[in-house]
N, C-alpha and C. Protein backbone atom coordinates (compact mmCIF):
# COMPACT_ATOMS: atom_id res chain seq x y z
N GLN A 1 1.05 -1.11 0.29
CA GLN A 1 -0.37 -0.04 -0.24
C GLN A 1 0.62 0.97 -0.29
N VAL A 2 0.64 1.97 -0.63
CA VAL A 2 1.35 3.82 -0.98
C VAL A 2 1.28 3.51 1.16
N PRO A 3 2.06 4.85 1.38
CA PRO A 3 2.21 5.29 1.95
C PRO A 3 1.16 6.52 2.77
N LEU A 4 0.90 7.36 1.31
CA LEU A 4 0.01 8.60 1.39
C LEU A 4 -0.24 8.66 0.23
N GLU A 5 -1.66 9.09 -0.01
CA GLU A 5 -1.99 9.25 -1.52
C GLU A 5 -2.69 10.82 -1.54
N GLU A 6 -2.86 11.62 -1.87
CA GLU A 6 -3.24 12.78 -2.43
C GLU A 6 -4.17 12.61 -3.37
N SER A 7 -5.91 13.48 -3.54
CA SER A 7 -6.47 13.23 -4.53
C SER A 7 -6.97 14.88 -4.39
N GLY A 8 -8.02 15.81 -5.37
CA GLY A 8 -9.36 16.45 -5.45
C GLY A 8 -7.89 17.27 -5.82
N GLY A 9 -7.35 17.21 -6.70
CA GLY A 9 -7.31 18.48 -7.29
C GLY A 9 -7.47 18.63 -8.68
N GLY A 10 -7.35 19.95 -8.67
CA GLY A 10 -8.04 19.79 -10.22
C GLY A 10 -7.88 21.13 -10.73
N LEU A 11 -9.00 21.93 -12.15
CA LEU A 11 -8.57 23.39 -12.52
C LEU A 11 -9.98 23.93 -12.04
N VAL A 12 -9.74 25.28 -11.43
CA VAL A 12 -10.91 26.04 -10.60
C VAL A 12 -10.40 27.26 -11.15
N GLN A 13 -11.96 28.33 -10.58
CA GLN A 13 -11.43 29.47 -10.78
C GLN A 13 -11.19 30.45 -9.91
N ALA A 14 -10.61 31.57 -9.67
CA ALA A 14 -10.97 32.26 -8.75
C ALA A 14 -11.49 32.76 -8.00
N GLY A 15 -11.63 32.44 -6.35
CA GLY A 15 -13.37 32.66 -5.60
C GLY A 15 -13.64 31.11 -5.80
N ASP A 16 -13.26 29.84 -5.73
CA ASP A 16 -13.79 28.41 -6.15
C ASP A 16 -13.38 27.96 -4.93
N SER A 17 -13.62 26.77 -4.59
CA SER A 17 -12.83 26.45 -4.01
C SER A 17 -12.93 24.53 -4.00
N LEU A 18 -11.54 23.92 -3.55
CA LEU A 18 -11.78 22.53 -3.35
C LEU A 18 -11.47 22.22 -2.14
N ARG A 19 -11.93 20.27 -1.67
CA ARG A 19 -10.94 20.17 -0.90
C ARG A 19 -9.67 19.18 -0.85
N LEU A 20 -8.86 18.94 -0.78
CA LEU A 20 -7.73 18.02 -1.34
C LEU A 20 -7.51 16.83 0.01
N SER A 21 -7.22 15.68 -0.47
CA SER A 21 -7.53 13.92 0.58
C SER A 21 -6.28 14.47 0.51
N CYS A 22 -6.17 12.94 1.15
CA CYS A 22 -4.72 12.32 1.90
C CYS A 22 -5.32 11.47 2.67
N ALA A 23 -5.24 10.23 1.45
CA ALA A 23 -5.31 8.61 2.69
C ALA A 23 -3.82 8.37 2.76
N ALA A 24 -3.96 7.92 3.82
CA ALA A 24 -2.54 7.12 4.31
C ALA A 24 -2.54 5.75 5.49
N SER A 25 -1.75 5.06 4.66
CA SER A 25 -1.87 3.37 5.25
C SER A 25 -1.84 3.90 7.14
N GLY A 26 -2.57 2.48 7.09
CA GLY A 26 -2.90 2.90 8.49
C GLY A 26 -1.44 2.99 9.32
N ARG A 27 -0.48 2.25 9.49
CA ARG A 27 0.54 2.42 9.12
C ARG A 27 1.30 4.07 9.51
N ALA A 28 1.59 4.77 8.69
CA ALA A 28 1.86 6.07 8.53
C ALA A 28 1.17 7.05 9.23
N PHE A 29 -0.55 6.83 9.17
CA PHE A 29 -1.14 7.53 10.51
C PHE A 29 -0.79 7.30 11.81
N SER A 30 -0.68 6.52 12.25
CA SER A 30 -1.06 5.72 13.15
C SER A 30 1.03 6.20 14.31
N SER A 31 2.00 6.01 12.74
CA SER A 31 3.50 6.56 13.28
C SER A 31 3.57 7.71 13.04
N SER A 32 2.68 8.45 12.55
CA SER A 32 2.56 10.25 12.70
C SER A 32 2.76 11.02 13.85
N ARG A 33 3.96 11.81 14.27
CA ARG A 33 3.30 13.13 15.21
C ARG A 33 2.58 13.87 14.69
N PHE A 34 2.57 14.24 13.41
CA PHE A 34 1.95 15.37 12.94
C PHE A 34 1.91 15.13 11.23
N MET A 35 0.27 15.32 10.74
CA MET A 35 0.23 15.64 9.39
C MET A 35 0.47 17.17 8.96
N GLY A 36 1.27 17.00 7.69
CA GLY A 36 1.04 18.23 6.89
C GLY A 36 0.41 18.33 5.14
N TRP A 37 0.75 19.58 5.52
CA TRP A 37 0.25 19.91 3.32
C TRP A 37 1.07 21.02 3.12
N PHE A 38 2.10 20.62 2.17
CA PHE A 38 2.80 21.39 1.47
C PHE A 38 2.90 21.94 -0.25
N ARG A 39 3.04 22.86 -0.94
CA ARG A 39 3.15 22.82 -2.03
C ARG A 39 3.76 23.48 -2.39
N GLN A 40 3.97 22.95 -3.86
CA GLN A 40 5.01 23.84 -4.69
C GLN A 40 4.52 23.86 -5.79
N ALA A 41 5.06 25.57 -6.29
CA ALA A 41 4.15 26.01 -7.11
C ALA A 41 5.93 25.98 -8.79
N PRO A 42 5.66 26.55 -10.28
CA PRO A 42 6.54 26.05 -10.82
C PRO A 42 7.62 26.91 -11.03
N GLY A 43 9.49 26.15 -11.08
CA GLY A 43 10.04 27.13 -10.12
C GLY A 43 10.31 28.00 -8.88
N LYS A 44 10.02 26.86 -8.14
CA LYS A 44 9.83 28.16 -6.28
C LYS A 44 10.02 26.85 -5.70
N GLU A 45 10.51 27.02 -5.04
CA GLU A 45 10.55 25.87 -3.36
C GLU A 45 9.44 25.34 -2.80
N ARG A 46 9.52 23.88 -2.42
CA ARG A 46 8.51 23.39 -1.85
C ARG A 46 7.98 24.46 -0.28
N GLU A 47 6.88 24.65 -0.24
CA GLU A 47 6.37 25.73 0.88
C GLU A 47 5.63 24.85 1.61
N PHE A 48 5.55 25.46 3.43
CA PHE A 48 4.70 24.85 4.41
C PHE A 48 3.46 26.19 3.80
N VAL A 49 2.35 24.35 4.33
CA VAL A 49 0.97 25.21 4.30
C VAL A 49 0.07 24.84 5.32
N ALA A 50 0.02 23.60 5.54
CA ALA A 50 -0.60 23.54 7.40
C ALA A 50 0.06 22.58 7.58
N VAL A 51 -0.73 22.68 9.06
CA VAL A 51 -0.06 20.94 9.68
C VAL A 51 -1.27 20.80 10.94
N LEU A 52 -1.48 19.30 11.49
CA LEU A 52 -2.26 19.13 11.72
C LEU A 52 -1.97 18.03 12.80
N SER A 53 -1.35 18.21 14.10
CA SER A 53 -0.97 17.31 15.29
C SER A 53 -1.93 16.08 15.50
N ARG A 54 -0.92 15.05 16.33
CA ARG A 54 -2.48 14.43 16.57
C ARG A 54 -3.40 14.75 17.51
N SER A 55 -2.92 15.72 18.59
CA SER A 55 -3.89 16.36 19.22
C SER A 55 -4.63 17.25 18.85
N GLY A 56 -4.73 17.40 17.43
CA GLY A 56 -5.23 18.55 17.10
C GLY A 56 -5.04 20.05 16.19
N SER A 57 -3.86 19.87 17.62
CA SER A 57 -3.13 21.78 16.85
C SER A 57 -3.11 21.38 16.02
N SER A 58 -3.32 23.20 15.63
CA SER A 58 -3.35 23.62 13.75
C SER A 58 -2.43 24.52 13.78
N THR A 59 -1.84 24.34 12.63
CA THR A 59 -0.44 26.18 12.17
C THR A 59 -1.25 26.13 10.69
N TYR A 60 -0.86 27.37 10.39
CA TYR A 60 -1.08 27.58 8.76
C TYR A 60 -0.26 28.68 8.49
N ALA A 61 0.53 28.76 7.30
CA ALA A 61 0.72 29.67 7.09
C ALA A 61 -0.36 31.35 6.51
N ASP A 62 0.80 32.33 6.59
CA ASP A 62 0.27 33.07 6.55
C ASP A 62 -0.79 33.71 5.47
N SER A 63 0.08 32.82 4.36
CA SER A 63 -0.60 33.18 2.82
C SER A 63 -2.30 32.27 3.26
N VAL A 64 -2.46 31.37 3.95
CA VAL A 64 -3.52 30.97 3.53
C VAL A 64 -4.28 30.42 4.61
N LYS A 65 -4.04 31.72 5.77
CA LYS A 65 -5.17 31.85 6.84
C LYS A 65 -6.07 32.34 6.76
N GLY A 66 -6.96 31.75 7.14
CA GLY A 66 -8.51 32.30 7.05
C GLY A 66 -9.30 31.17 5.58
N ARG A 67 -8.50 30.91 4.94
CA ARG A 67 -8.90 30.81 3.96
C ARG A 67 -8.86 29.14 3.74
N PHE A 68 -8.01 28.48 4.12
CA PHE A 68 -7.94 27.05 4.41
C PHE A 68 -7.90 26.07 5.62
N THR A 69 -8.50 25.24 5.72
CA THR A 69 -8.82 23.80 7.33
C THR A 69 -8.05 23.00 6.86
N ILE A 70 -7.48 22.50 7.37
CA ILE A 70 -6.81 21.36 7.81
C ILE A 70 -7.66 20.05 8.20
N SER A 71 -7.99 19.26 8.89
CA SER A 71 -8.51 18.02 9.22
C SER A 71 -8.46 16.59 9.31
N LYS A 72 -8.59 15.98 9.64
CA LYS A 72 -8.12 14.77 10.02
C LYS A 72 -9.54 13.72 10.09
N ASN A 73 -9.34 12.46 9.71
CA ASN A 73 -10.16 11.20 10.25
C ASN A 73 -9.48 10.20 10.28
N SER A 74 -9.66 10.20 12.30
CA SER A 74 -8.05 9.55 12.54
C SER A 74 -9.30 7.63 12.03
N ARG A 75 -10.22 7.61 11.94
CA ARG A 75 -10.52 5.80 12.06
C ARG A 75 -10.83 6.08 10.54
N GLU A 76 -10.79 7.01 9.80
CA GLU A 76 -10.11 6.07 8.38
C GLU A 76 -8.61 7.02 7.84
N ASN A 77 -8.72 7.31 8.40
CA ASN A 77 -7.03 7.15 7.64
C ASN A 77 -6.59 8.05 6.75
N MET A 78 -7.99 9.36 7.09
CA MET A 78 -7.44 10.54 5.99
C MET A 78 -7.09 11.92 6.59
N LEU A 79 -6.51 12.22 5.94
CA LEU A 79 -6.37 14.17 6.21
C LEU A 79 -6.61 14.95 4.92
N TYR A 80 -7.54 15.87 5.47
CA TYR A 80 -7.80 16.88 4.30
C TYR A 80 -7.38 18.25 4.44
N LEU A 81 -7.74 19.56 3.65
CA LEU A 81 -7.05 20.63 3.33
C LEU A 81 -8.38 21.28 2.37
N GLU A 82 -8.95 21.70 3.17
CA GLU A 82 -10.50 22.49 2.60
C GLU A 82 -10.46 23.81 2.05
N MET A 83 -9.68 24.45 1.10
CA MET A 83 -9.56 25.57 0.55
C MET A 83 -10.52 26.28 -0.01
N ASN A 84 -10.61 27.68 0.81
CA ASN A 84 -11.59 28.57 0.18
C ASN A 84 -10.84 29.32 -0.61
N SER A 85 -11.81 30.07 -1.42
CA SER A 85 -11.24 31.66 -2.21
C SER A 85 -9.77 31.34 -2.77
N LEU A 86 -9.71 30.59 -3.65
CA LEU A 86 -8.33 30.03 -4.32
C LEU A 86 -8.31 31.07 -4.75
N GLN A 87 -6.62 31.49 -4.80
CA GLN A 87 -6.20 32.92 -5.68
C GLN A 87 -5.52 32.24 -7.13
N THR A 88 -5.00 32.74 -7.52
CA THR A 88 -3.72 32.52 -8.69
C THR A 88 -2.95 31.56 -7.74
N GLU A 89 -2.06 33.02 -7.30
CA GLU A 89 -1.36 32.29 -6.82
C GLU A 89 -1.05 31.07 -5.74
N ASP A 90 -2.59 30.14 -5.66
CA ASP A 90 -2.56 28.79 -5.02
C ASP A 90 -2.04 27.56 -6.17
N THR A 91 -1.73 27.91 -7.45
CA THR A 91 -1.58 27.41 -8.11
C THR A 91 -0.44 26.45 -8.05
N ALA A 92 -0.31 24.98 -7.14
CA ALA A 92 0.95 24.70 -7.22
C ALA A 92 1.43 23.30 -6.86
N VAL A 93 1.37 22.64 -7.36
CA VAL A 93 1.22 20.84 -6.08
C VAL A 93 1.28 20.69 -5.28
N TYR A 94 -0.01 20.53 -4.99
CA TYR A 94 0.39 19.73 -3.26
C TYR A 94 0.39 18.81 -2.62
N TYR A 95 1.06 18.59 -1.42
CA TYR A 95 1.67 17.18 -1.12
C TYR A 95 1.25 17.43 0.19
N CYS A 96 0.49 16.10 0.88
CA CYS A 96 0.82 15.64 2.42
C CYS A 96 2.16 14.71 2.63
N ALA A 97 1.86 14.84 3.92
CA ALA A 97 3.46 14.37 4.49
C ALA A 97 2.93 14.23 6.00
N THR A 98 4.01 13.65 6.36
CA THR A 98 3.58 12.78 7.57
C THR A 98 5.49 12.92 8.61
N ALA A 99 5.32 13.25 9.76
CA ALA A 99 6.49 13.42 10.71
C ALA A 99 5.92 12.06 11.66
N GLY A 100 6.89 11.07 11.41
CA GLY A 100 6.93 10.25 12.79
C GLY A 100 7.95 10.77 13.92
N ARG A 101 9.15 11.49 13.70
CA ARG A 101 10.50 11.88 14.60
C ARG A 101 10.22 12.71 14.73
N ALA A 102 10.37 14.17 13.99
CA ALA A 102 10.46 15.32 14.22
C ALA A 102 9.53 16.27 15.86
N ILE A 103 9.82 16.79 16.47
CA ILE A 103 9.66 18.07 17.25
C ILE A 103 8.13 18.63 16.87
N TRP A 104 7.35 18.98 17.01
CA TRP A 104 6.79 20.07 16.60
C TRP A 104 7.14 21.53 16.67
N SER A 105 8.24 21.51 17.04
CA SER A 105 8.96 23.14 16.85
C SER A 105 9.50 22.98 15.15
N SER A 106 9.09 22.09 14.87
CA SER A 106 9.70 21.91 13.69
C SER A 106 8.55 21.94 12.12
N GLN A 107 7.37 21.90 12.94
CA GLN A 107 6.34 21.18 11.84
C GLN A 107 6.32 22.12 10.75
N THR A 108 6.75 23.24 10.26
CA THR A 108 6.77 24.20 9.13
C THR A 108 7.67 23.32 7.86
N ARG A 109 8.74 22.70 8.19
CA ARG A 109 10.06 22.37 7.89
C ARG A 109 9.72 21.48 6.80
N ALA A 110 9.68 21.50 5.48
CA ALA A 110 10.20 19.82 5.52
C ALA A 110 10.76 18.73 5.07
N ASP A 111 11.93 18.81 6.26
CA ASP A 111 13.13 18.45 6.30
C ASP A 111 12.28 17.73 7.50
N ALA A 112 11.41 17.94 8.74
CA ALA A 112 11.31 17.77 9.82
C ALA A 112 9.83 16.39 8.83
N TYR A 113 9.52 16.00 7.58
CA TYR A 113 8.96 15.35 7.48
C TYR A 113 9.01 14.09 6.31
N ASP A 114 9.33 12.61 7.44
CA ASP A 114 9.79 11.50 6.35
C ASP A 114 9.02 11.01 5.54
N THR A 115 7.57 11.07 5.56
CA THR A 115 7.07 10.05 4.64
C THR A 115 6.04 11.24 3.66
N TRP A 116 6.16 11.15 2.29
CA TRP A 116 5.64 12.09 1.23
C TRP A 116 5.01 11.32 0.12
N GLY A 117 3.10 12.01 0.01
CA GLY A 117 2.76 11.09 -1.26
C GLY A 117 3.47 12.04 -2.48
N GLN A 118 2.59 11.69 -3.60
CA GLN A 118 2.84 12.04 -4.93
C GLN A 118 2.31 13.24 -5.35
N GLY A 119 1.64 13.81 -4.31
CA GLY A 119 1.30 15.21 -4.93
C GLY A 119 -0.04 15.35 -6.02
N THR A 120 -1.09 16.02 -5.90
CA THR A 120 -2.03 16.56 -6.65
C THR A 120 -1.55 17.58 -6.98
N GLN A 121 -2.05 18.53 -8.69
CA GLN A 121 -2.22 19.17 -9.25
C GLN A 121 -3.73 20.39 -8.46
N VAL A 122 -3.16 21.43 -8.24
CA VAL A 122 -4.33 22.30 -8.16
C VAL A 122 -3.66 24.00 -9.31
N THR A 123 -4.63 24.40 -10.13
CA THR A 123 -4.69 24.99 -11.15
C THR A 123 -5.73 26.26 -10.81
N VAL A 124 -5.57 26.98 -10.63
CA VAL A 124 -6.38 28.28 -10.31
C VAL A 124 -6.61 29.52 -11.66
N SER A 125 -7.14 29.82 -11.81
CA SER A 125 -7.09 30.68 -13.36
C SER A 125 -8.13 32.10 -12.79
N SER A 126 -7.93 33.19 -13.39
CA SER A 126 -8.14 34.49 -13.27
C SER A 126 -9.08 34.43 -13.84
């Protein structure tokens, strides 16, 4: 089983909403200290979007705060990213990732995460 698999990306217009899903294997989900979403636009570095701890604490990048919501369904081993009021600047490949050993203070750093999905493309047109 693939540890992490994203879905839900697509082509939308500015102002629209999308919900990304990340299906995690039972092991990836249960062993993670926190789970997050990152994104990478063409020609740019991968950047932090949102993170959710096992206890439910969350952190968001300033660029998405108030528009995006991260959540999970532990019974189904699913991680979600609800994205509202999408902007053209949100266009990127979105990745979900889990951190099994890192500490919470490193939550926004990509190198804190040890398991990554393949990504799902989100394109927002003006």
